[in-house]
């Protein structure tokens, strides 16, 4: 504890000012994305939710503070977190149809935490083995959750002014955790925290009371294929960051997720989905 306090105490005012800027920028991105989710159908909302609206800024900030090798190690370390997020979605979708947001979210987060602690030991620290294991976990969750792809009509509730504050608070807490983890605990912790299910948690906290658990479960289940885009993006980042540099490698990773999610939307364009607009 003394070592941690000493380390934090030695950080200058410029670091804290930069951290505040990072928190505000990331919060703005996630808030805008989650607002967009509420105004679209479940599939479009799911594809927005699986864009790197929280992980992307987190990795940009890591790139500003660390070298290419650190980013590569963080990308490999992020793979178990994506697999854990798939398990989080499966757990939440199963529970939310019959339980309230507090019970569903608490159980799903407990499963996510257990998974991020256990999966790295089972998956190993290799890019190929970690990527394959993550893909298998996602596909298994897609199969298990397939019956929940269609939910009932959403129940309408008025928006609250505090909704935006809740969303902003969640993502700002994540940014602080990622930045401090990168400085204090290394690329493994930073990579895991960068892909914590912050957007999924935000959607659950805000939308579950407003539109009902079944409708939120539909959005989250439809987001599972989008997680495969994250896996592809991390592969692109890990394989290119030391050759191309952080700027080009991160741009390529972002482009990968955009192409993947755009392809899912194009492939599903003839399938009408219910709107979440209330």
C-alpha atoms as a PDB file:
ATOM      1  CA  UNK A   1       0.000   0.000   0.000  1.00  0.00           C
ATOM      2  CA  UNK A   2       2.876   2.327   0.838  1.00  0.00           C
ATOM      3  CA  UNK A   3       4.509   1.542  -2.503  1.00  0.00           C
ATOM      4  CA  UNK A   4       1.282   2.323  -4.360  1.00  0.00           C
ATOM      5  CA  UNK A   5       0.823   5.592  -2.487  1.00  0.00           C
ATOM      6  CA  UNK A   6       4.422   6.543  -3.173  1.00  0.00           C
ATOM      7  CA  UNK A   7       4.097   5.768  -6.855  1.00  0.00           C
ATOM      8  CA  UNK A   8       0.915   7.810  -7.201  1.00  0.00           C
ATOM      9  CA  UNK A   9       2.409  10.614  -5.151  1.00  0.00           C
ATOM     10  CA  UNK A  10       5.356  10.809  -7.519  1.00  0.00           C
ATOM     11  CA  UNK A  11       3.152  11.397 -10.540  1.00  0.00           C
ATOM     12  CA  UNK A  12       3.178  15.013 -11.630  1.00  0.00           C
ATOM     13  CA  UNK A  13       0.321  17.418 -12.180  1.00  0.00           C
ATOM     14  CA  UNK A  14       0.666  17.062 -15.957  1.00  0.00           C
ATOM     15  CA  UNK A  15      -0.234  13.368 -15.682  1.00  0.00           C
ATOM     16  CA  UNK A  16      -3.393  14.091 -13.713  1.00  0.00           C
ATOM     17  CA  UNK A  17      -4.409  16.838 -16.137  1.00  0.00           C
ATOM     18  CA  UNK A  18      -3.907  14.450 -19.066  1.00  0.00           C
ATOM     19  CA  UNK A  19      -5.852  11.751 -17.227  1.00  0.00           C
ATOM     20  CA  UNK A  20      -8.784  14.132 -16.723  1.00  0.00           C
ATOM     21  CA  UNK A  21      -8.767  14.963 -20.441  1.00  0.00           C
ATOM     22  CA  UNK A  22      -8.724  11.247 -21.270  1.00  0.00           C
ATOM     23  CA  UNK A  23     -11.654  10.598 -18.928  1.00  0.00           C
ATOM     24  CA  UNK A  24     -13.776  13.360 -20.438  1.00  0.00           C
ATOM     25  CA  UNK A  25     -12.981  12.397 -24.040  1.00  0.00           C
ATOM     26  CA  UNK A  26     -13.765   8.722 -23.482  1.00  0.00           C
ATOM     27  CA  UNK A  27     -16.974   9.516 -21.602  1.00  0.00           C
ATOM     28  CA  UNK A  28     -18.170  11.695 -24.479  1.00  0.00           C
ATOM     29  CA  UNK A  29     -17.538   8.906 -27.000  1.00  0.00           C
ATOM     30  CA  UNK A  30     -19.357   6.226 -25.012  1.00  0.00           C
ATOM     31  CA  UNK A  31     -22.290   8.480 -24.101  1.00  0.00           C
ATOM     32  CA  UNK A  32     -22.838   9.386 -27.749  1.00  0.00           C
ATOM     33  CA  UNK A  33     -22.636   5.719 -28.765  1.00  0.00           C
ATOM     34  CA  UNK A  34     -25.081   4.545 -26.114  1.00  0.00           C
ATOM     35  CA  UNK A  35     -27.542   7.296 -27.014  1.00  0.00           C
ATOM     36  CA  UNK A  36     -27.352   6.101 -30.618  1.00  0.00           C
ATOM     37  CA  UNK A  37     -28.158   2.557 -29.469  1.00  0.00           C
ATOM     38  CA  UNK A  38     -31.444   3.751 -27.977  1.00  0.00           C
ATOM     39  CA  UNK A  39     -32.535   5.256 -31.296  1.00  0.00           C
ATOM     40  CA  UNK A  40     -31.859   2.248 -33.543  1.00  0.00           C
ATOM     41  CA  UNK A  41     -33.024  -1.325 -33.917  1.00  0.00           C
ATOM     42  CA  UNK A  42     -31.391  -4.101 -31.862  1.00  0.00           C
ATOM     43  CA  UNK A  43     -28.966  -5.224 -34.573  1.00  0.00           C
ATOM     44  CA  UNK A  44     -27.692  -1.742 -35.382  1.00  0.00           C
ATOM     45  CA  UNK A  45     -27.487  -1.014 -31.672  1.00  0.00           C
ATOM     46  CA  UNK A  46     -25.516  -4.215 -31.129  1.00  0.00           C
ATOM     47  CA  UNK A  47     -23.034  -3.283 -33.850  1.00  0.00           C
ATOM     48  CA  UNK A  48     -22.555   0.151 -32.316  1.00  0.00           C
ATOM     49  CA  UNK A  49     -22.017  -1.455 -28.919  1.00  0.00           C
ATOM     50  CA  UNK A  50     -19.261  -3.670 -30.346  1.00  0.00           C
ATOM     51  CA  UNK A  51     -17.309  -0.836 -31.900  1.00  0.00           C
ATOM     52  CA  UNK A  52     -14.219   0.038 -29.831  1.00  0.00           C
ATOM     53  CA  UNK A  53     -15.834   3.091 -28.248  1.00  0.00           C
ATOM     54  CA  UNK A  54     -14.191   2.411 -24.883  1.00  0.00           C
ATOM     55  CA  UNK A  55     -11.317   0.051 -25.745  1.00  0.00           C
ATOM     56  CA  UNK A  56     -10.217   2.272 -28.630  1.00  0.00           C
ATOM     57  CA  UNK A  57      -9.548   5.381 -26.534  1.00  0.00           C
ATOM     58  CA  UNK A  58      -7.988   3.201 -23.827  1.00  0.00           C
ATOM     59  CA  UNK A  59      -5.488   1.802 -26.335  1.00  0.00           C
ATOM     60  CA  UNK A  60      -4.775   5.246 -27.754  1.00  0.00           C
ATOM     61  CA  UNK A  61      -3.911   6.466 -24.283  1.00  0.00           C
ATOM     62  CA  UNK A  62      -1.718   3.413 -23.689  1.00  0.00           C
ATOM     63  CA  UNK A  63       0.075   4.194 -26.960  1.00  0.00           C
ATOM     64  CA  UNK A  64       0.797   7.714 -25.737  1.00  0.00           C
ATOM     65  CA  UNK A  65       2.440   6.376 -22.579  1.00  0.00           C
ATOM     66  CA  UNK A  66       4.102   3.121 -23.713  1.00  0.00           C
ATOM     67  CA  UNK A  67       6.062   1.555 -26.562  1.00  0.00           C
ATOM     68  CA  UNK A  68       4.967  -0.832 -29.311  1.00  0.00           C
ATOM     69  CA  UNK A  69       6.015  -3.930 -27.370  1.00  0.00           C
ATOM     70  CA  UNK A  70       3.761  -2.944 -24.490  1.00  0.00           C
ATOM     71  CA  UNK A  71       0.825  -2.537 -26.880  1.00  0.00           C
ATOM     72  CA  UNK A  72       1.471  -5.945 -28.438  1.00  0.00           C
ATOM     73  CA  UNK A  73       1.513  -7.626 -25.038  1.00  0.00           C
ATOM     74  CA  UNK A  74      -1.656  -5.758 -24.057  1.00  0.00           C
ATOM     75  CA  UNK A  75      -3.407  -6.923 -27.231  1.00  0.00           C
ATOM     76  CA  UNK A  76      -2.630 -10.566 -26.449  1.00  0.00           C
ATOM     77  CA  UNK A  77      -3.708 -10.050 -22.826  1.00  0.00           C
ATOM     78  CA  UNK A  78      -7.040  -8.582 -24.017  1.00  0.00           C
ATOM     79  CA  UNK A  79      -8.153 -11.830 -25.667  1.00  0.00           C
ATOM     80  CA  UNK A  80      -9.315 -13.532 -22.427  1.00  0.00           C
ATOM     81  CA  UNK A  81     -11.257 -10.371 -21.565  1.00  0.00           C
ATOM     82  CA  UNK A  82     -13.206 -10.663 -24.831  1.00  0.00           C
ATOM     83  CA  UNK A  83     -13.993 -14.310 -24.108  1.00  0.00           C
ATOM     84  CA  UNK A  84     -15.087 -13.258 -20.615  1.00  0.00           C
ATOM     85  CA  UNK A  85     -17.329 -10.585 -22.132  1.00  0.00           C
ATOM     86  CA  UNK A  86     -19.051 -13.245 -24.250  1.00  0.00           C
ATOM     87  CA  UNK A  87     -19.741 -15.205 -21.056  1.00  0.00           C
ATOM     88  CA  UNK A  88     -20.956 -11.987 -19.409  1.00  0.00           C
ATOM     89  CA  UNK A  89     -23.434 -11.442 -22.250  1.00  0.00           C
ATOM     90  CA  UNK A  90     -24.684 -15.027 -22.129  1.00  0.00           C
ATOM     91  CA  UNK A  91     -25.207 -14.851 -18.367  1.00  0.00           C
ATOM     92  CA  UNK A  92     -26.920 -11.479 -18.474  1.00  0.00           C
ATOM     93  CA  UNK A  93     -29.173 -12.413 -21.392  1.00  0.00           C
ATOM     94  CA  UNK A  94     -30.306 -15.566 -19.623  1.00  0.00           C
ATOM     95  CA  UNK A  95     -31.023 -13.824 -16.328  1.00  0.00           C
ATOM     96  CA  UNK A  96     -32.407 -10.509 -17.563  1.00  0.00           C
ATOM     97  CA  UNK A  97     -35.473 -12.102 -19.096  1.00  0.00           C
ATOM     98  CA  UNK A  98     -36.717 -13.103 -15.634  1.00  0.00           C
ATOM     99  CA  UNK A  99     -34.840 -10.917 -13.136  1.00  0.00           C
ATOM    100  CA  UNK A 100     -34.150  -7.265 -12.493  1.00  0.00           C
ATOM    101  CA  UNK A 101     -31.064  -5.347 -13.526  1.00  0.00           C
ATOM    102  CA  UNK A 102     -29.313  -5.583 -10.134  1.00  0.00           C
ATOM    103  CA  UNK A 103     -29.459  -9.383  -9.883  1.00  0.00           C
ATOM    104  CA  UNK A 104     -28.703  -9.940 -13.566  1.00  0.00           C
ATOM    105  CA  UNK A 105     -25.804  -7.506 -13.651  1.00  0.00           C
ATOM    106  CA  UNK A 106     -24.252  -8.671 -10.382  1.00  0.00           C
ATOM    107  CA  UNK A 107     -24.274 -12.319 -11.498  1.00  0.00           C
ATOM    108  CA  UNK A 108     -22.960 -11.520 -14.977  1.00  0.00           C
ATOM    109  CA  UNK A 109     -20.129  -9.353 -13.610  1.00  0.00           C
ATOM    110  CA  UNK A 110     -19.186 -12.091 -11.147  1.00  0.00           C
ATOM    111  CA  UNK A 111     -18.908 -14.511 -14.060  1.00  0.00           C
ATOM    112  CA  UNK A 112     -16.848 -11.983 -16.045  1.00  0.00           C
ATOM    113  CA  UNK A 113     -14.454 -11.486 -13.129  1.00  0.00           C
ATOM    114  CA  UNK A 114     -14.064 -15.228 -12.562  1.00  0.00           C
ATOM    115  CA  UNK A 115     -13.456 -15.729 -16.285  1.00  0.00           C
ATOM    116  CA  UNK A 116     -10.742 -13.056 -16.582  1.00  0.00           C
ATOM    117  CA  UNK A 117      -8.964 -14.603 -13.610  1.00  0.00           C
ATOM    118  CA  UNK A 118      -9.214 -18.189 -14.877  1.00  0.00           C
ATOM    119  CA  UNK A 119      -9.086 -17.972 -18.676  1.00  0.00           C
ATOM    120  CA  UNK A 120      -5.537 -16.550 -19.008  1.00  0.00           C
ATOM    121  CA  UNK A 121      -4.226 -19.667 -17.249  1.00  0.00           C
ATOM    122  CA  UNK A 122      -6.217 -21.973 -19.513  1.00  0.00           C
ATOM    123  CA  UNK A 123      -5.577 -20.097 -22.768  1.00  0.00           C
ATOM    124  CA  UNK A 124      -1.876 -19.428 -22.286  1.00  0.00           C
ATOM    125  CA  UNK A 125      -0.046 -16.288 -23.343  1.00  0.00           C
ATOM    126  CA  UNK A 126       0.277 -16.992 -27.066  1.00  0.00           C
ATOM    127  CA  UNK A 127      -1.527 -14.986 -29.730  1.00  0.00           C
ATOM    128  CA  UNK A 128      -2.645 -18.021 -31.777  1.00  0.00           C
ATOM    129  CA  UNK A 129      -3.791 -20.162 -28.840  1.00  0.00           C
ATOM    130  CA  UNK A 130      -5.493 -17.247 -27.116  1.00  0.00           C
ATOM    131  CA  UNK A 131      -7.240 -16.160 -30.292  1.00  0.00           C
ATOM    132  CA  UNK A 132      -8.514 -19.646 -31.114  1.00  0.00           C
ATOM    133  CA  UNK A 133      -9.793 -20.201 -27.578  1.00  0.00           C
ATOM    134  CA  UNK A 134     -11.547 -16.828 -27.608  1.00  0.00           C
ATOM    135  CA  UNK A 135     -13.258 -17.584 -30.918  1.00  0.00           C
ATOM    136  CA  UNK A 136     -14.466 -20.940 -29.614  1.00  0.00           C
ATOM    137  CA  UNK A 137     -15.910 -19.333 -26.468  1.00  0.00           C
ATOM    138  CA  UNK A 138     -17.735 -16.693 -28.526  1.00  0.00           C
ATOM    139  CA  UNK A 139     -19.162 -19.276 -30.927  1.00  0.00           C
ATOM    140  CA  UNK A 140     -20.319 -21.422 -28.010  1.00  0.00           C
ATOM    141  CA  UNK A 141     -22.101 -18.408 -26.498  1.00  0.00           C
ATOM    142  CA  UNK A 142     -23.701 -17.570 -29.853  1.00  0.00           C
ATOM    143  CA  UNK A 143     -25.105 -21.084 -30.019  1.00  0.00           C
ATOM    144  CA  UNK A 144     -26.292 -21.086 -26.406  1.00  0.00           C
ATOM    145  CA  UNK A 145     -27.991 -17.696 -26.766  1.00  0.00           C
ATOM    146  CA  UNK A 146     -29.538 -18.225 -30.194  1.00  0.00           C
ATOM    147  CA  UNK A 147     -33.100 -18.676 -28.823  1.00  0.00           C
ATOM    148  CA  UNK A 148     -32.871 -15.220 -27.228  1.00  0.00           C
ATOM    149  CA  UNK A 149     -32.104 -13.320 -30.435  1.00  0.00           C
ATOM    150  CA  UNK A 150     -35.715 -12.181 -30.597  1.00  0.00           C
ATOM    151  CA  UNK A 151     -37.205 -10.445 -27.594  1.00  0.00           C
ATOM    152  CA  UNK A 152     -40.642  -9.118 -26.808  1.00  0.00           C
ATOM    153  CA  UNK A 153     -41.701  -5.536 -27.464  1.00  0.00           C
ATOM    154  CA  UNK A 154     -39.822  -3.060 -25.292  1.00  0.00           C
ATOM    155  CA  UNK A 155     -41.673  -1.392 -22.444  1.00  0.00           C
ATOM    156  CA  UNK A 156     -41.384   2.384 -22.516  1.00  0.00           C
ATOM    157  CA  UNK A 157     -40.101   4.451 -19.630  1.00  0.00           C
ATOM    158  CA  UNK A 158     -39.149   8.131 -19.690  1.00  0.00           C
ATOM    159  CA  UNK A 159     -35.510   9.083 -19.896  1.00  0.00           C
ATOM    160  CA  UNK A 160     -33.885  10.470 -16.773  1.00  0.00           C
ATOM    161  CA  UNK A 161     -31.350  13.289 -16.647  1.00  0.00           C
ATOM    162  CA  UNK A 162     -29.116  11.103 -14.487  1.00  0.00           C
ATOM    163  CA  UNK A 163     -28.751   8.508 -17.278  1.00  0.00           C
ATOM    164  CA  UNK A 164     -25.973  10.446 -18.992  1.00  0.00           C
ATOM    165  CA  UNK A 165     -24.140  10.912 -15.695  1.00  0.00           C
ATOM    166  CA  UNK A 166     -24.280   7.170 -14.992  1.00  0.00           C
ATOM    167  CA  UNK A 167     -22.850   6.342 -18.408  1.00  0.00           C
ATOM    168  CA  UNK A 168     -20.134   8.958 -18.104  1.00  0.00           C
ATOM    169  CA  UNK A 169     -19.219   7.805 -14.606  1.00  0.00           C
ATOM    170  CA  UNK A 170     -18.813   4.164 -15.663  1.00  0.00           C
ATOM    171  CA  UNK A 171     -16.510   4.898 -18.578  1.00  0.00           C
ATOM    172  CA  UNK A 172     -14.436   7.468 -16.684  1.00  0.00           C
ATOM    173  CA  UNK A 173     -13.838   4.916 -13.943  1.00  0.00           C
ATOM    174  CA  UNK A 174     -12.661   2.459 -16.602  1.00  0.00           C
ATOM    175  CA  UNK A 175     -10.255   4.995 -18.108  1.00  0.00           C
ATOM    176  CA  UNK A 176      -8.718   5.646 -14.692  1.00  0.00           C
ATOM    177  CA  UNK A 177      -8.356   1.899 -14.086  1.00  0.00           C
ATOM    178  CA  UNK A 178      -6.735   1.263 -17.486  1.00  0.00           C
ATOM    179  CA  UNK A 179      -4.300   4.169 -17.312  1.00  0.00           C
ATOM    180  CA  UNK A 180      -3.224   3.410 -13.745  1.00  0.00           C
ATOM    181  CA  UNK A 181      -3.013  -0.322 -14.492  1.00  0.00           C
ATOM    182  CA  UNK A 182      -0.746   0.415 -17.432  1.00  0.00           C
ATOM    183  CA  UNK A 183       1.519   2.495 -15.221  1.00  0.00           C
ATOM    184  CA  UNK A 184       1.462   0.302 -12.113  1.00  0.00           C
ATOM    185  CA  UNK A 185       0.673  -3.271 -13.130  1.00  0.00           C
ATOM    186  CA  UNK A 186       1.912  -3.758 -16.691  1.00  0.00           C
ATOM    187  CA  UNK A 187       0.405  -4.697 -20.065  1.00  0.00           C
ATOM    188  CA  UNK A 188      -1.561  -7.719 -18.817  1.00  0.00           C
ATOM    189  CA  UNK A 189      -3.810  -5.788 -16.451  1.00  0.00           C
ATOM    190  CA  UNK A 190      -4.106  -2.883 -18.878  1.00  0.00           C
ATOM    191  CA  UNK A 191      -5.121  -5.188 -21.733  1.00  0.00           C
ATOM    192  CA  UNK A 192      -7.801  -6.891 -19.651  1.00  0.00           C
ATOM    193  CA  UNK A 193      -9.266  -3.663 -18.313  1.00  0.00           C
ATOM    194  CA  UNK A 194      -9.287  -2.058 -21.770  1.00  0.00           C
ATOM    195  CA  UNK A 195     -11.879  -4.650 -22.825  1.00  0.00           C
ATOM    196  CA  UNK A 196     -13.953  -4.632 -19.666  1.00  0.00           C
ATOM    197  CA  UNK A 197     -17.632  -4.683 -20.730  1.00  0.00           C
ATOM    198  CA  UNK A 198     -18.156  -0.989 -19.998  1.00  0.00           C
ATOM    199  CA  UNK A 199     -20.571  -0.398 -22.882  1.00  0.00           C
ATOM    200  CA  UNK A 200     -22.545  -3.543 -22.055  1.00  0.00           C
ATOM    201  CA  UNK A 201     -22.793  -2.519 -18.403  1.00  0.00           C
ATOM    202  CA  UNK A 202     -23.869   0.990 -19.417  1.00  0.00           C
ATOM    203  CA  UNK A 203     -26.581  -0.371 -21.674  1.00  0.00           C
ATOM    204  CA  UNK A 204     -27.842  -2.708 -18.963  1.00  0.00           C
ATOM    205  CA  UNK A 205     -27.918  -0.022 -16.272  1.00  0.00           C
ATOM    206  CA  UNK A 206     -29.684   2.513 -18.462  1.00  0.00           C
ATOM    207  CA  UNK A 207     -31.887   0.455 -20.769  1.00  0.00           C
ATOM    208  CA  UNK A 208     -33.036  -2.449 -18.587  1.00  0.00           C
ATOM    209  CA  UNK A 209     -35.289  -0.264 -16.384  1.00  0.00           C
ATOM    210  CA  UNK A 210     -36.515   1.649 -19.448  1.00  0.00           C
ATOM    211  CA  UNK A 211     -37.253  -1.007 -22.067  1.00  0.00           C
ATOM    212  CA  UNK A 212     -37.191  -4.270 -20.112  1.00  0.00           C
ATOM    213  CA  UNK A 213     -34.757  -7.129 -19.692  1.00  0.00           C
ATOM    214  CA  UNK A 214     -35.919  -9.112 -22.739  1.00  0.00           C
ATOM    215  CA  UNK A 215     -35.232  -6.209 -25.118  1.00  0.00           C
ATOM    216  CA  UNK A 216     -31.784  -5.549 -23.602  1.00  0.00           C
ATOM    217  CA  UNK A 217     -31.002  -9.274 -23.783  1.00  0.00           C
ATOM    218  CA  UNK A 218     -31.775  -9.179 -27.506  1.00  0.00           C
ATOM    219  CA  UNK A 219     -29.334  -6.315 -28.094  1.00  0.00           C
ATOM    220  CA  UNK A 220     -26.558  -8.001 -26.139  1.00  0.00           C
ATOM    221  CA  UNK A 221     -27.077 -11.398 -27.792  1.00  0.00           C
ATOM    222  CA  UNK A 222     -26.966  -9.776 -31.235  1.00  0.00           C
ATOM    223  CA  UNK A 223     -23.656  -8.167 -30.228  1.00  0.00           C
ATOM    224  CA  UNK A 224     -21.901 -11.541 -29.773  1.00  0.00           C
ATOM    225  CA  UNK A 225     -20.829 -11.881 -33.450  1.00  0.00           C
ATOM    226  CA  UNK A 226     -19.397  -8.373 -33.199  1.00  0.00           C
ATOM    227  CA  UNK A 227     -16.933  -9.631 -30.579  1.00  0.00           C
ATOM    228  CA  UNK A 228     -15.272 -11.654 -33.330  1.00  0.00           C
ATOM    229  CA  UNK A 229     -14.365  -8.321 -34.902  1.00  0.00           C
ATOM    230  CA  UNK A 230     -12.540  -7.417 -31.692  1.00  0.00           C
ATOM    231  CA  UNK A 231     -10.531 -10.644 -31.949  1.00  0.00           C
ATOM    232  CA  UNK A 232      -9.564  -9.833 -35.535  1.00  0.00           C
ATOM    233  CA  UNK A 233      -8.651  -6.271 -34.542  1.00  0.00           C
ATOM    234  CA  UNK A 234      -6.395  -7.495 -31.727  1.00  0.00           C
ATOM    235  CA  UNK A 235      -4.688  -9.900 -34.125  1.00  0.00           C
ATOM    236  CA  UNK A 236      -4.081  -7.009 -36.514  1.00  0.00           C
ATOM    237  CA  UNK A 237      -2.721  -4.843 -33.709  1.00  0.00           C
ATOM    238  CA  UNK A 238      -0.457  -7.521 -32.239  1.00  0.00           C
ATOM    239  CA  UNK A 239       0.965  -8.509 -35.625  1.00  0.00           C
ATOM    240  CA  UNK A 240       1.601  -5.000 -36.973  1.00  0.00           C
ATOM    241  CA  UNK A 241       2.275  -2.610 -34.089  1.00  0.00           C
ATOM    242  CA  UNK A 242       6.010  -3.305 -33.903  1.00  0.00           C
ATOM    243  CA  UNK A 243       6.386  -3.118 -37.693  1.00  0.00           C
ATOM    244  CA  UNK A 244       4.101  -0.230 -38.576  1.00  0.00           C
ATOM    245  CA  UNK A 245       4.109   1.715 -35.317  1.00  0.00           C
ATOM    246  CA  UNK A 246       1.211   2.394 -32.944  1.00  0.00           C
ATOM    247  CA  UNK A 247      -0.595   4.986 -35.084  1.00  0.00           C
ATOM    248  CA  UNK A 248      -0.934   2.840 -38.206  1.00  0.00           C
ATOM    249  CA  UNK A 249      -1.521  -0.379 -36.264  1.00  0.00           C
ATOM    250  CA  UNK A 250      -4.319   1.139 -34.182  1.00  0.00           C
ATOM    251  CA  UNK A 251      -5.876   2.610 -37.327  1.00  0.00           C
ATOM    252  CA  UNK A 252      -5.781  -0.819 -38.955  1.00  0.00           C
ATOM    253  CA  UNK A 253      -7.400  -2.379 -35.879  1.00  0.00           C
ATOM    254  CA  UNK A 254     -10.187   0.213 -35.964  1.00  0.00           C
ATOM    255  CA  UNK A 255     -10.722  -0.357 -39.690  1.00  0.00           C
ATOM    256  CA  UNK A 256     -10.967  -4.099 -39.027  1.00  0.00           C
ATOM    257  CA  UNK A 257     -13.840  -3.657 -36.580  1.00  0.00           C
ATOM    258  CA  UNK A 258     -15.637  -1.231 -38.896  1.00  0.00           C
ATOM    259  CA  UNK A 259     -15.397  -3.635 -41.842  1.00  0.00           C
ATOM    260  CA  UNK A 260     -16.514  -6.606 -39.732  1.00  0.00           C
ATOM    261  CA  UNK A 261     -19.530  -4.891 -38.197  1.00  0.00           C
ATOM    262  CA  UNK A 262     -20.449  -3.270 -41.486  1.00  0.00           C
ATOM    263  CA  UNK A 263     -20.349  -6.696 -43.123  1.00  0.00           C
ATOM    264  CA  UNK A 264     -22.720  -8.085 -40.493  1.00  0.00           C
ATOM    265  CA  UNK A 265     -25.156  -5.248 -41.125  1.00  0.00           C
ATOM    266  CA  UNK A 266     -25.001  -5.727 -44.878  1.00  0.00           C
ATOM    267  CA  UNK A 267     -25.544  -9.475 -44.549  1.00  0.00           C
ATOM    268  CA  UNK A 268     -28.580  -8.879 -42.331  1.00  0.00           C
ATOM    269  CA  UNK A 269     -30.076  -5.900 -44.158  1.00  0.00           C
ATOM    270  CA  UNK A 270     -33.092  -7.920 -45.356  1.00  0.00           C
ATOM    271  CA  UNK A 271     -33.981  -9.051 -41.844  1.00  0.00           C
ATOM    272  CA  UNK A 272     -36.215  -6.479 -40.126  1.00  0.00           C
ATOM    273  CA  UNK A 273     -35.493  -5.911 -36.437  1.00  0.00           C
ATOM    274  CA  UNK A 274     -37.677  -4.194 -33.832  1.00  0.00           C
ATOM    275  CA  UNK A 275     -36.829  -0.636 -32.895  1.00  0.00           C
ATOM    276  CA  UNK A 276     -35.666   0.436 -29.460  1.00  0.00           C
ATOM    277  CA  UNK A 277     -37.004   3.934 -29.962  1.00  0.00           C
ATOM    278  CA  UNK A 278     -39.369   4.770 -27.158  1.00  0.00           C
END
